[in-house]
Amino acid sequence: MNSNYKIINPSAISANLMDNKAIIKQFLGLYQTQIPLDFEDLRDAVLAEDHTEIASKAHHIKPTLGYIGASSLHTKFQELEHAGRNEDSIRTINHKFSLIEEEYNTLMDEINRYLETI
């Protein structure tokens, strides 16, 4: 992984999107637009303490993380999804969400920086 990035993996992005800069730009542009909306929906589900929606929203976001090589964040979303499905305590869910939220902010910054390089 490129040492300039803690969350995303530019090599994975390139490989998953056929090393096509136009497709990469389009995908990441859509990502910049959609993921904040999806993340806000997840935040709302956590605040509402809605286990079913927490699991659903985490599951919805999770696959796209694979395309950008964000494996550690993918794992955290998977853990949050399972916590929602298992109806873990809201305290546990809030803790898992706070860890995700920290990395989410870094993720979005890294995507912005990466887009500037292609």
Protein backbone atom coordinates (compact mmCIF):
# COMPACT_ATOMS: atom_id res chain seq x y z
CA MET A 1 0.00 0.00 0.00
CA ASN A 2 1.17 3.51 -0.72
CA SER A 3 2.63 5.00 2.47
CA ASN A 4 0.73 8.25 1.88
CA TYR A 5 -2.53 6.48 2.70
CA LYS A 6 -3.67 4.77 5.90
CA ILE A 7 -7.12 3.61 4.75
CA ILE A 8 -7.32 3.33 0.96
CA ASN A 9 -5.06 1.25 -1.24
CA PRO A 10 -4.38 2.90 -4.62
CA SER A 11 -3.11 -0.39 -6.06
CA ALA A 12 -6.40 -2.09 -5.16
CA ILE A 13 -8.39 0.78 -6.65
CA SER A 14 -6.43 0.53 -9.88
CA ALA A 15 -6.73 -3.26 -10.05
CA ASN A 16 -10.44 -3.34 -9.19
CA LEU A 17 -11.27 -0.65 -11.73
CA MET A 18 -9.21 -2.07 -14.61
CA ASP A 19 -6.46 0.55 -14.26
CA ASN A 20 -8.75 2.90 -16.18
CA LYS A 21 -8.29 6.46 -14.90
CA ALA A 22 -11.62 7.63 -16.34
CA ILE A 23 -13.48 4.84 -14.55
CA ILE A 24 -11.52 5.45 -11.35
CA LYS A 25 -12.38 9.16 -11.42
CA GLN A 26 -16.03 8.42 -12.13
CA PHE A 27 -16.27 5.77 -9.40
CA LEU A 28 -14.54 7.90 -6.78
CA GLY A 29 -16.61 10.92 -7.78
CA LEU A 30 -19.77 8.91 -7.18
CA TYR A 31 -18.24 7.61 -3.96
CA GLN A 32 -17.65 11.18 -2.75
CA THR A 33 -21.31 11.96 -3.35
CA GLN A 34 -23.03 8.79 -2.16
CA ILE A 35 -20.98 7.60 0.82
CA PRO A 36 -21.57 10.76 2.91
CA LEU A 37 -25.32 10.26 2.41
CA ASP A 38 -25.10 6.58 3.31
CA PHE A 39 -22.91 7.37 6.30
CA GLU A 40 -25.40 9.96 7.53
CA ASP A 41 -28.16 7.33 7.26
CA LEU A 42 -26.02 4.99 9.35
CA ARG A 43 -25.40 7.73 11.92
CA ASP A 44 -29.16 8.35 12.11
CA ALA A 45 -29.78 4.63 12.70
CA VAL A 46 -27.19 4.59 15.49
CA LEU A 47 -28.73 7.67 17.11
CA ALA A 48 -32.18 6.08 16.82
CA GLU A 49 -30.79 2.90 18.40
CA ASP A 50 -32.41 0.90 15.59
CA HIS A 51 -30.53 -2.40 15.44
CA THR A 52 -32.15 -3.53 12.19
CA GLU A 53 -31.30 -0.29 10.38
CA ILE A 54 -27.78 -0.24 11.83
CA ALA A 55 -27.15 -3.69 10.38
CA SER A 56 -28.76 -2.77 7.07
CA LYS A 57 -26.90 0.53 6.63
CA ALA A 58 -23.54 -0.97 7.64
CA HIS A 59 -24.12 -3.85 5.22
CA HIS A 60 -24.98 -1.40 2.43
CA ILE A 61 -21.72 0.56 2.81
CA LYS A 62 -19.41 -2.40 3.40
CA PRO A 63 -18.97 -3.82 -0.15
CA THR A 64 -17.76 -0.56 -1.68
CA LEU A 65 -14.88 -0.47 0.78
CA GLY A 66 -13.41 -3.52 -0.91
CA TYR A 67 -13.15 -1.72 -4.23
CA ILE A 68 -10.92 0.91 -2.68
CA GLY A 69 -8.82 -1.48 -0.60
CA ALA A 70 -10.08 -0.17 2.74
CA SER A 71 -9.87 -3.60 4.37
CA SER A 72 -9.54 -2.45 8.00
CA LEU A 73 -12.57 -0.19 7.64
CA HIS A 74 -14.45 -2.99 5.84
CA THR A 75 -13.82 -5.20 8.89
CA LYS A 76 -15.11 -2.51 11.25
CA PHE A 77 -18.30 -2.12 9.20
CA GLN A 78 -18.73 -5.90 9.27
CA GLU A 79 -18.38 -5.87 13.07
CA LEU A 80 -20.96 -3.08 13.32
CA GLU A 81 -23.31 -4.97 11.02
CA HIS A 82 -23.01 -8.07 13.21
CA ALA A 83 -23.54 -5.98 16.36
CA GLY A 84 -26.77 -4.67 14.86
CA ARG A 85 -27.94 -8.11 13.77
CA ASN A 86 -27.09 -9.60 17.17
CA GLU A 87 -28.79 -6.69 18.96
CA ASP A 88 -25.66 -5.91 20.95
CA SER A 89 -25.89 -3.15 23.52
CA ILE A 90 -26.15 0.38 22.20
CA ARG A 91 -23.03 1.20 24.20
CA THR A 92 -21.10 -1.42 22.21
CA ILE A 93 -22.60 -0.18 18.96
CA ASN A 94 -21.75 3.44 19.78
CA HIS A 95 -18.16 2.43 20.51
CA LYS A 96 -17.86 0.55 17.21
CA PHE A 97 -19.44 3.45 15.35
CA SER A 98 -17.06 5.98 16.92
CA LEU A 99 -14.08 3.95 15.69
CA ILE A 100 -15.59 3.87 12.21
CA GLU A 101 -16.34 7.58 12.29
CA GLU A 102 -12.68 8.43 12.96
CA GLU A 103 -11.53 6.34 10.01
CA TYR A 104 -14.38 7.56 7.80
CA ASN A 105 -13.09 11.13 8.02
CA THR A 106 -9.61 9.95 7.06
CA LEU A 107 -11.10 7.85 4.24
CA MET A 108 -12.84 10.82 2.66
CA ASP A 109 -9.70 12.95 2.95
CA GLU A 110 -7.62 10.22 1.32
CA ILE A 111 -10.08 9.83 -1.55
CA ASN A 112 -9.93 13.57 -2.18
CA ARG A 113 -6.12 13.53 -2.13
CA TYR A 114 -5.93 10.47 -4.36
CA LEU A 115 -8.26 12.01 -6.93
CA GLU A 116 -5.91 14.99 -7.16
CA THR A 117 -3.12 12.64 -8.28
CA ILE A 118 -4.94 11.05 -11.23
